[in-house]
PDB file of N, CA and C in Angstrom:
ATOM      1  N   MET A   1      40.716 -75.323 -44.470  1.00  0.00           N
ATOM      2  CA  MET A   1      39.727 -74.507 -44.901  1.00  0.00           C
ATOM      3  C   MET A   1      39.959 -73.598 -45.766  1.00  0.00           C
ATOM      4  N   ALA A   2      39.088 -73.143 -46.671  1.00  0.00           N
ATOM      5  CA  ALA A   2      39.449 -72.116 -47.664  1.00  0.00           C
ATOM      6  C   ALA A   2      38.989 -70.777 -47.272  1.00  0.00           C
ATOM      7  N   ILE A   3      39.698 -69.629 -47.566  1.00  0.00           N
ATOM      8  CA  ILE A   3      39.060 -68.328 -46.858  1.00  0.00           C
ATOM      9  C   ILE A   3      38.188 -67.871 -47.064  1.00  0.00           C
ATOM     10  N   PRO A   4      37.435 -68.200 -48.202  1.00  0.00           N
ATOM     11  CA  PRO A   4      35.731 -68.045 -48.507  1.00  0.00           C
ATOM     12  C   PRO A   4      34.895 -68.704 -47.285  1.00  0.00           C
ATOM     13  N   LEU A   5      35.182 -69.607 -47.091  1.00  0.00           N
ATOM     14  CA  LEU A   5      34.402 -70.906 -46.094  1.00  0.00           C
ATOM     15  C   LEU A   5      34.548 -70.068 -44.532  1.00  0.00           C
ATOM     16  N   LEU A   6      35.894 -69.733 -44.456  1.00  0.00           N
ATOM     17  CA  LEU A   6      36.374 -69.189 -43.218  1.00  0.00           C
ATOM     18  C   LEU A   6      35.431 -67.703 -43.060  1.00  0.00           C
ATOM     19  N   LYS A   7      35.483 -67.082 -44.223  1.00  0.00           N
ATOM     20  CA  LYS A   7      34.671 -65.680 -43.933  1.00  0.00           C
ATOM     21  C   LYS A   7      33.203 -65.860 -43.943  1.00  0.00           C
ATOM     22  N   GLN A   8      32.822 -67.004 -44.733  1.00  0.00           N
ATOM     23  CA  GLN A   8      31.328 -67.240 -44.614  1.00  0.00           C
ATOM     24  C   GLN A   8      30.881 -67.343 -43.179  1.00  0.00           C
ATOM     25  N   GLU A   9      31.746 -68.456 -42.166  1.00  0.00           N
ATOM     26  CA  GLU A   9      31.784 -68.655 -40.800  1.00  0.00           C
ATOM     27  C   GLU A   9      31.701 -67.365 -39.983  1.00  0.00           C
ATOM     28  N   LEU A  10      32.506 -66.681 -40.448  1.00  0.00           N
ATOM     29  CA  LEU A  10      32.775 -65.335 -39.244  1.00  0.00           C
ATOM     30  C   LEU A  10      31.473 -64.383 -39.642  1.00  0.00           C
ATOM     31  N   ARG A  11      31.050 -64.429 -40.784  1.00  0.00           N
ATOM     32  CA  ARG A  11      29.870 -63.433 -41.270  1.00  0.00           C
ATOM     33  C   ARG A  11      28.682 -64.209 -40.367  1.00  0.00           C
ATOM     34  N   LEU A  12      28.801 -65.647 -40.500  1.00  0.00           N
ATOM     35  CA  LEU A  12      27.411 -66.111 -39.426  1.00  0.00           C
ATOM     36  C   LEU A  12      27.545 -65.867 -38.182  1.00  0.00           C
ATOM     37  N   ARG A  13      28.724 -65.514 -37.746  1.00  0.00           N
ATOM     38  CA  ARG A  13      28.767 -65.136 -36.312  1.00  0.00           C
ATOM     39  C   ARG A  13      28.860 -63.491 -36.382  1.00  0.00           C
ATOM     40  N   LYS A  14      28.849 -62.907 -36.947  1.00  0.00           N
ATOM     41  CA  LYS A  14      28.809 -61.345 -37.395  1.00  0.00           C
ATOM     42  C   LYS A  14      30.124 -60.886 -36.598  1.00  0.00           C
ATOM     43  N   THR A  15      30.962 -61.576 -36.813  1.00  0.00           N
ATOM     44  CA  THR A  15      32.696 -60.867 -36.573  1.00  0.00           C
ATOM     45  C   THR A  15      33.314 -59.902 -37.995  1.00  0.00           C
ATOM     46  N   LYS A  16      34.217 -59.642 -37.187  1.00  0.00           N
ATOM     47  CA  LYS A  16      35.325 -58.907 -38.606  1.00  0.00           C
ATOM     48  C   LYS A  16      35.613 -60.056 -39.405  1.00  0.00           C
ATOM     49  N   LEU A  17      35.871 -59.706 -40.503  1.00  0.00           N
ATOM     50  CA  LEU A  17      36.474 -60.645 -42.017  1.00  0.00           C
ATOM     51  C   LEU A  17      37.458 -60.420 -42.568  1.00  0.00           C
ATOM     52  N   SER A  18      38.199 -59.347 -42.111  1.00  0.00           N
ATOM     53  CA  SER A  18      39.405 -59.013 -42.755  1.00  0.00           C
ATOM     54  C   SER A  18      40.670 -59.689 -41.935  1.00  0.00           C
ATOM     55  N   GLY A  19      41.832 -59.772 -42.814  1.00  0.00           N
ATOM     56  CA  GLY A  19      43.138 -60.298 -42.167  1.00  0.00           C
ATOM     57  C   GLY A  19      43.467 -61.684 -42.682  1.00  0.00           C
ATOM     58  N   LYS A  20      44.699 -61.966 -42.441  1.00  0.00           N
ATOM     59  CA  LYS A  20      45.075 -63.351 -43.072  1.00  0.00           C
ATOM     60  C   LYS A  20      44.324 -64.533 -42.862  1.00  0.00           C
ATOM     61  N   LYS A  21      44.583 -65.672 -43.387  1.00  0.00           N
ATOM     62  CA  LYS A  21      44.075 -66.882 -43.121  1.00  0.00           C
ATOM     63  C   LYS A  21      44.280 -67.400 -41.750  1.00  0.00           C
ATOM     64  N   HIS A  22      45.386 -66.975 -41.270  1.00  0.00           N
ATOM     65  CA  HIS A  22      45.922 -67.639 -39.775  1.00  0.00           C
ATOM     66  C   HIS A  22      44.881 -66.776 -38.779  1.00  0.00           C
ATOM     67  N   GLN A  23      44.722 -65.766 -39.232  1.00  0.00           N
ATOM     68  CA  GLN A  23      44.368 -64.591 -38.372  1.00  0.00           C
ATOM     69  C   GLN A  23      42.557 -64.849 -38.383  1.00  0.00           C
ATOM     70  N   LEU A  24      42.417 -65.185 -39.288  1.00  0.00           N
ATOM     71  CA  LEU A  24      40.812 -65.581 -39.544  1.00  0.00           C
ATOM     72  C   LEU A  24      40.350 -67.004 -38.614  1.00  0.00           C
ATOM     73  N   ILE A  25      41.619 -67.644 -39.049  1.00  0.00           N
ATOM     74  CA  ILE A  25      41.349 -69.272 -38.023  1.00  0.00           C
ATOM     75  C   ILE A  25      41.248 -68.914 -36.573  1.00  0.00           C
ATOM     76  N   LYS A  26      42.326 -68.274 -36.263  1.00  0.00           N
ATOM     77  CA  LYS A  26      42.466 -67.769 -34.690  1.00  0.00           C
ATOM     78  C   LYS A  26      40.903 -67.213 -34.159  1.00  0.00           C
ATOM     79  N   ARG A  27      40.434 -66.211 -35.088  1.00  0.00           N
ATOM     80  CA  ARG A  27      39.456 -65.346 -34.837  1.00  0.00           C
ATOM     81  C   ARG A  27      38.222 -66.274 -34.579  1.00  0.00           C
ATOM     82  N   LEU A  28      38.065 -67.193 -35.618  1.00  0.00           N
ATOM     83  CA  LEU A  28      36.826 -68.173 -35.472  1.00  0.00           C
ATOM     84  C   LEU A  28      37.224 -69.240 -34.411  1.00  0.00           C
ATOM     85  N   GLU A  29      38.435 -69.535 -34.039  1.00  0.00           N
ATOM     86  CA  GLU A  29      38.509 -70.564 -32.800  1.00  0.00           C
ATOM     87  C   GLU A  29      37.952 -69.826 -31.580  1.00  0.00           C
ATOM     88  N   SER A  30      38.625 -68.244 -31.400  1.00  0.00           N
ATOM     89  CA  SER A  30      38.287 -67.603 -30.142  1.00  0.00           C
ATOM     90  C   SER A  30      36.804 -67.472 -29.959  1.00  0.00           C
ATOM     91  N   TYR A  31      36.123 -66.974 -30.857  1.00  0.00           N
ATOM     92  CA  TYR A  31      34.759 -66.897 -31.191  1.00  0.00           C
ATOM     93  C   TYR A  31      34.014 -68.392 -30.644  1.00  0.00           C
ATOM     94  N   ASP A  32      34.389 -69.288 -31.386  1.00  0.00           N
ATOM     95  CA  ASP A  32      33.792 -70.663 -30.757  1.00  0.00           C
ATOM     96  C   ASP A  32      34.328 -70.946 -29.133  1.00  0.00           C
ATOM     97  N   ARG A  33      34.978 -70.541 -29.061  1.00  0.00           N
ATOM     98  CA  ARG A  33      35.753 -70.953 -27.577  1.00  0.00           C
ATOM     99  C   ARG A  33      34.918 -70.216 -26.415  1.00  0.00           C
ATOM    100  N   ASN A  34      34.400 -68.969 -26.802  1.00  0.00           N
ATOM    101  CA  ASN A  34      33.964 -67.978 -26.113  1.00  0.00           C
ATOM    102  C   ASN A  34      32.384 -67.448 -26.139  1.00  0.00           C
ATOM    103  N   ASP A  35      31.999 -68.336 -27.051  1.00  0.00           N
ATOM    104  CA  ASP A  35      30.412 -68.107 -27.413  1.00  0.00           C
ATOM    105  C   ASP A  35      29.603 -68.232 -26.157  1.00  0.00           C
ATOM    106  N   ASN A  36      29.920 -69.055 -25.234  1.00  0.00           N
ATOM    107  CA  ASN A  36      28.936 -68.978 -24.415  1.00  0.00           C
ATOM    108  C   ASN A  36      28.939 -67.530 -23.382  1.00  0.00           C
ATOM    109  N   PHE A  37      29.228 -66.713 -23.686  1.00  0.00           N
ATOM    110  CA  PHE A  37      29.365 -65.531 -22.843  1.00  0.00           C
ATOM    111  C   PHE A  37      28.431 -64.264 -23.348  1.00  0.00           C
ATOM    112  N   GLY A  38      27.874 -64.644 -24.342  1.00  0.00           N
ATOM    113  CA  GLY A  38      27.142 -63.752 -24.785  1.00  0.00           C
ATOM    114  C   GLY A  38      25.876 -63.559 -25.351  1.00  0.00           C
ATOM    115  N   HIS A  39      25.451 -65.065 -25.369  1.00  0.00           N
ATOM    116  CA  HIS A  39      23.835 -65.175 -25.964  1.00  0.00           C
ATOM    117  C   HIS A  39      23.095 -65.849 -24.984  1.00  0.00           C
ATOM    118  N   GLN A  40      23.524 -66.620 -23.992  1.00  0.00           N
ATOM    119  CA  GLN A  40      22.594 -67.106 -23.002  1.00  0.00           C
ATOM    120  C   GLN A  40      22.461 -66.104 -21.950  1.00  0.00           C
ATOM    121  N   LEU A  41      21.002 -66.298 -21.639  1.00  0.00           N
ATOM    122  CA  LEU A  41      20.149 -65.510 -20.478  1.00  0.00           C
ATOM    123  C   LEU A  41      20.714 -66.257 -19.255  1.00  0.00           C
ATOM    124  N   ILE A  42      20.788 -65.505 -18.121  1.00  0.00           N
ATOM    125  CA  ILE A  42      21.021 -66.010 -17.044  1.00  0.00           C
ATOM    126  C   ILE A  42      19.992 -65.508 -15.899  1.00  0.00           C
ATOM    127  N   GLN A  43      19.116 -66.613 -15.387  1.00  0.00           N
ATOM    128  CA  GLN A  43      17.859 -66.497 -14.494  1.00  0.00           C
ATOM    129  C   GLN A  43      18.347 -66.109 -13.222  1.00  0.00           C
ATOM    130  N   ALA A  44      18.000 -64.970 -12.683  1.00  0.00           N
ATOM    131  CA  ALA A  44      18.697 -64.452 -11.459  1.00  0.00           C
ATOM    132  C   ALA A  44      17.563 -65.055 -10.425  1.00  0.00           C
ATOM    133  N   GLU A  45      18.172 -65.496  -9.160  1.00  0.00           N
ATOM    134  CA  GLU A  45      17.303 -65.757  -8.248  1.00  0.00           C
ATOM    135  C   GLU A  45      16.386 -64.825  -7.656  1.00  0.00           C
ATOM    136  N   GLN A  46      15.286 -65.052  -7.355  1.00  0.00           N
ATOM    137  CA  GLN A  46      14.069 -64.395  -6.561  1.00  0.00           C
ATOM    138  C   GLN A  46      15.096 -63.671  -5.264  1.00  0.00           C
ATOM    139  N   PHE A  47      14.902 -62.334  -5.329  1.00  0.00           N
ATOM    140  CA  PHE A  47      15.708 -61.645  -4.421  1.00  0.00           C
ATOM    141  C   PHE A  47      14.665 -60.829  -3.516  1.00  0.00           C
ATOM    142  N   SER A  48      14.736 -61.096  -2.067  1.00  0.00           N
ATOM    143  CA  SER A  48      13.727 -60.749  -1.161  1.00  0.00           C
ATOM    144  C   SER A  48      14.668 -59.906  -0.173  1.00  0.00           C
ATOM    145  N   MET A  49      14.116 -58.453   0.803  1.00  0.00           N
ATOM    146  CA  MET A  49      14.784 -58.539   1.880  1.00  0.00           C
ATOM    147  C   MET A  49      13.920 -57.711   2.860  1.00  0.00           C
ATOM    148  N   ASN A  50      13.964 -58.122   4.015  1.00  0.00           N
ATOM    149  CA  ASN A  50      13.346 -57.414   5.126  1.00  0.00           C
ATOM    150  C   ASN A  50      14.044 -56.255   5.591  1.00  0.00           C
ATOM    151  N   VAL A  51      13.001 -55.274   5.411  1.00  0.00           N
ATOM    152  CA  VAL A  51      13.636 -53.738   5.751  1.00  0.00           C
ATOM    153  C   VAL A  51      12.769 -53.271   6.689  1.00  0.00           C
ATOM    154  N   PRO A  52      13.558 -52.733   8.115  1.00  0.00           N
ATOM    155  CA  PRO A  52      12.854 -52.288   8.952  1.00  0.00           C
ATOM    156  C   PRO A  52      12.238 -51.176   8.884  1.00  0.00           C
ATOM    157  N   GLU A  53      10.997 -50.797  10.101  1.00  0.00           N
ATOM    158  CA  GLU A  53      10.210 -49.530   9.806  1.00  0.00           C
ATOM    159  C   GLU A  53      11.327 -48.402   9.614  1.00  0.00           C
ATOM    160  N   GLN A  54      10.910 -47.263   9.045  1.00  0.00           N
ATOM    161  CA  GLN A  54      11.486 -46.489   9.085  1.00  0.00           C
ATOM    162  C   GLN A  54      11.343 -44.977  10.128  1.00  0.00           C
ATOM    163  N   SER A  55      10.110 -45.211  10.841  1.00  0.00           N
ATOM    164  CA  SER A  55       9.629 -44.645  11.699  1.00  0.00           C
ATOM    165  C   SER A  55      10.658 -44.407  13.181  1.00  0.00           C
ATOM    166  N   GLY A  56      11.254 -45.564  13.357  1.00  0.00           N
ATOM    167  CA  GLY A  56      12.313 -45.721  14.526  1.00  0.00           C
ATOM    168  C   GLY A  56      13.827 -44.868  14.254  1.00  0.00           C
ATOM    169  N   TYR A  57      13.965 -44.476  13.234  1.00  0.00           N
ATOM    170  CA  TYR A  57      15.169 -43.862  12.577  1.00  0.00           C
ATOM    171  C   TYR A  57      14.998 -42.205  12.683  1.00  0.00           C
ATOM    172  N   LYS A  58      16.111 -41.555  12.765  1.00  0.00           N
ATOM    173  CA  LYS A  58      16.168 -39.879  12.437  1.00  0.00           C
ATOM    174  C   LYS A  58      17.239 -39.734  11.201  1.00  0.00           C
ATOM    175  N   ASP A  59      17.047 -38.894  10.343  1.00  0.00           N
ATOM    176  CA  ASP A  59      18.060 -38.279   9.449  1.00  0.00           C
ATOM    177  C   ASP A  59      18.823 -37.567  10.454  1.00  0.00           C
ATOM    178  N   ILE A  60      19.948 -37.604  10.919  1.00  0.00           N
ATOM    179  CA  ILE A  60      20.860 -37.051  11.587  1.00  0.00           C
ATOM    180  C   ILE A  60      21.246 -35.751  10.643  1.00  0.00           C
ATOM    181  N   ASN A  61      21.389 -36.125   9.499  1.00  0.00           N
ATOM    182  CA  ASN A  61      22.098 -34.916   8.210  1.00  0.00           C
ATOM    183  C   ASN A  61      20.891 -33.708   8.046  1.00  0.00           C
ATOM    184  N   SER A  62      19.919 -34.135   8.394  1.00  0.00           N
ATOM    185  CA  SER A  62      18.802 -33.230   7.935  1.00  0.00           C
ATOM    186  C   SER A  62      18.877 -31.594   8.867  1.00  0.00           C
ATOM    187  N   GLU A  63      19.553 -31.973   9.877  1.00  0.00           N
ATOM    188  CA  GLU A  63      19.275 -30.497  10.486  1.00  0.00           C
ATOM    189  C   GLU A  63      20.668 -29.868  10.574  1.00  0.00           C
ATOM    190  N   THR A  64      21.769 -30.530  10.342  1.00  0.00           N
ATOM    191  CA  THR A  64      23.130 -30.132   9.888  1.00  0.00           C
ATOM    192  C   THR A  64      23.498 -28.893   9.250  1.00  0.00           C
ATOM    193  N   GLN A  65      23.823 -27.798   9.522  1.00  0.00           N
ATOM    194  CA  GLN A  65      24.400 -26.631   8.810  1.00  0.00           C
ATOM    195  C   GLN A  65      25.968 -26.765   9.081  1.00  0.00           C
ATOM    196  N   MET A  66      26.446 -26.295   7.817  1.00  0.00           N
ATOM    197  CA  MET A  66      27.903 -25.944   7.370  1.00  0.00           C
ATOM    198  C   MET A  66      28.324 -24.796   8.299  1.00  0.00           C
ATOM    199  N   PRO A  67      29.292 -24.614   9.111  1.00  0.00           N
ATOM    200  CA  PRO A  67      29.686 -23.527   9.526  1.00  0.00           C
ATOM    201  C   PRO A  67      30.334 -22.500   8.710  1.00  0.00           C
ATOM    202  N   GLU A  68      29.719 -21.282   9.004  1.00  0.00           N
ATOM    203  CA  GLU A  68      30.463 -20.091   8.138  1.00  0.00           C
ATOM    204  C   GLU A  68      31.934 -20.071   8.388  1.00  0.00           C
ATOM    205  N   GLY A  69      32.744 -19.830   7.500  1.00  0.00           N
ATOM    206  CA  GLY A  69      33.917 -19.866   7.573  1.00  0.00           C
ATOM    207  C   GLY A  69      34.896 -18.690   6.346  1.00  0.00           C
ATOM    208  N   LYS A  70      36.102 -18.394   6.651  1.00  0.00           N
ATOM    209  CA  LYS A  70      36.500 -17.727   5.862  1.00  0.00           C
ATOM    210  C   LYS A  70      36.896 -18.034   4.618  1.00  0.00           C
ATOM    211  N   GLN A  71      36.824 -17.299   3.658  1.00  0.00           N
ATOM    212  CA  GLN A  71      36.732 -17.531   2.293  1.00  0.00           C
ATOM    213  C   GLN A  71      38.485 -17.487   1.878  1.00  0.00           C
ATOM    214  N   GLN A  72      38.894 -18.539   1.683  1.00  0.00           N
ATOM    215  CA  GLN A  72      40.417 -18.401   1.324  1.00  0.00           C
ATOM    216  C   GLN A  72      40.461 -18.467  -0.363  1.00  0.00           C
ATOM    217  N   GLY A  73      41.687 -17.901  -0.586  1.00  0.00           N
ATOM    218  CA  GLY A  73      42.135 -18.192  -2.121  1.00  0.00           C
ATOM    219  C   GLY A  73      41.612 -16.879  -2.880  1.00  0.00           C
ATOM    220  N   ASN A  74      40.906 -17.117  -4.065  1.00  0.00           N
ATOM    221  CA  ASN A  74      40.607 -16.120  -4.950  1.00  0.00           C
ATOM    222  C   ASN A  74      39.674 -15.603  -4.460  1.00  0.00           C
ATOM    223  N   VAL A  75      39.455 -14.314  -4.289  1.00  0.00           N
ATOM    224  CA  VAL A  75      38.003 -13.345  -4.092  1.00  0.00           C
ATOM    225  C   VAL A  75      37.353 -13.127  -5.590  1.00  0.00           C
ATOM    226  N   GLN A  76      36.223 -13.420  -5.435  1.00  0.00           N
ATOM    227  CA  GLN A  76      35.204 -12.784  -6.588  1.00  0.00           C
ATOM    228  C   GLN A  76      35.839 -13.220  -8.054  1.00  0.00           C
ATOM    229  N   GLY A  77      36.331 -14.486  -8.028  1.00  0.00           N
ATOM    230  CA  GLY A  77      36.656 -15.182  -9.061  1.00  0.00           C
ATOM    231  C   GLY A  77      37.913 -14.746  -9.700  1.00  0.00           C
ATOM    232  N   LYS A  78      38.886 -13.679  -9.506  1.00  0.00           N
ATOM    233  CA  LYS A  78      39.909 -13.010  -9.892  1.00  0.00           C
ATOM    234  C   LYS A  78      41.293 -14.280  -9.982  1.00  0.00           C
ATOM    235  N   VAL A  79      41.831 -14.058 -11.108  1.00  0.00           N
ATOM    236  CA  VAL A  79      42.835 -15.170 -11.451  1.00  0.00           C
ATOM    237  C   VAL A  79      44.011 -14.590 -11.217  1.00  0.00           C
ATOM    238  N   PRO A  80      44.622 -15.130  -9.976  1.00  0.00           N
ATOM    239  CA  PRO A  80      46.280 -14.653 -10.020  1.00  0.00           C
ATOM    240  C   PRO A  80      47.137 -14.203 -11.118  1.00  0.00           C
ATOM    241  N   SER A  81      47.797 -13.175 -10.876  1.00  0.00           N
ATOM    242  CA  SER A  81      48.662 -13.118 -12.169  1.00  0.00           C
ATOM    243  C   SER A  81      49.995 -13.876 -12.168  1.00  0.00           C
ATOM    244  N   LEU A  82      50.486 -14.272 -13.087  1.00  0.00           N
ATOM    245  CA  LEU A  82      51.703 -15.081 -13.344  1.00  0.00           C
ATOM    246  C   LEU A  82      53.050 -14.351 -13.556  1.00  0.00           C
ATOM    247  N   HIS A  83      52.698 -13.064 -13.429  1.00  0.00           N
ATOM    248  CA  HIS A  83      53.900 -11.985 -13.871  1.00  0.00           C
ATOM    249  C   HIS A  83      54.991 -12.211 -12.650  1.00  0.00           C
TER     250      HIS A  83
END
């Protein structure tokens, strides 16, 4: 196949046109081999899930408080001296 025909086929597939003839052929073969990955829409199955009533559950984190602790490391954002 001539290079202009290869480039025409690649242009139809909206892919890169530059390269040597063997690269164009390889790119065209790869595109045709993998064409089924990009253009078909897959219908997802209908999803449903039963969720229990939320009234029977308690958020155990809503009342949790972090304990006061000693601050370690830099105080007031001071950077330690490297000297």
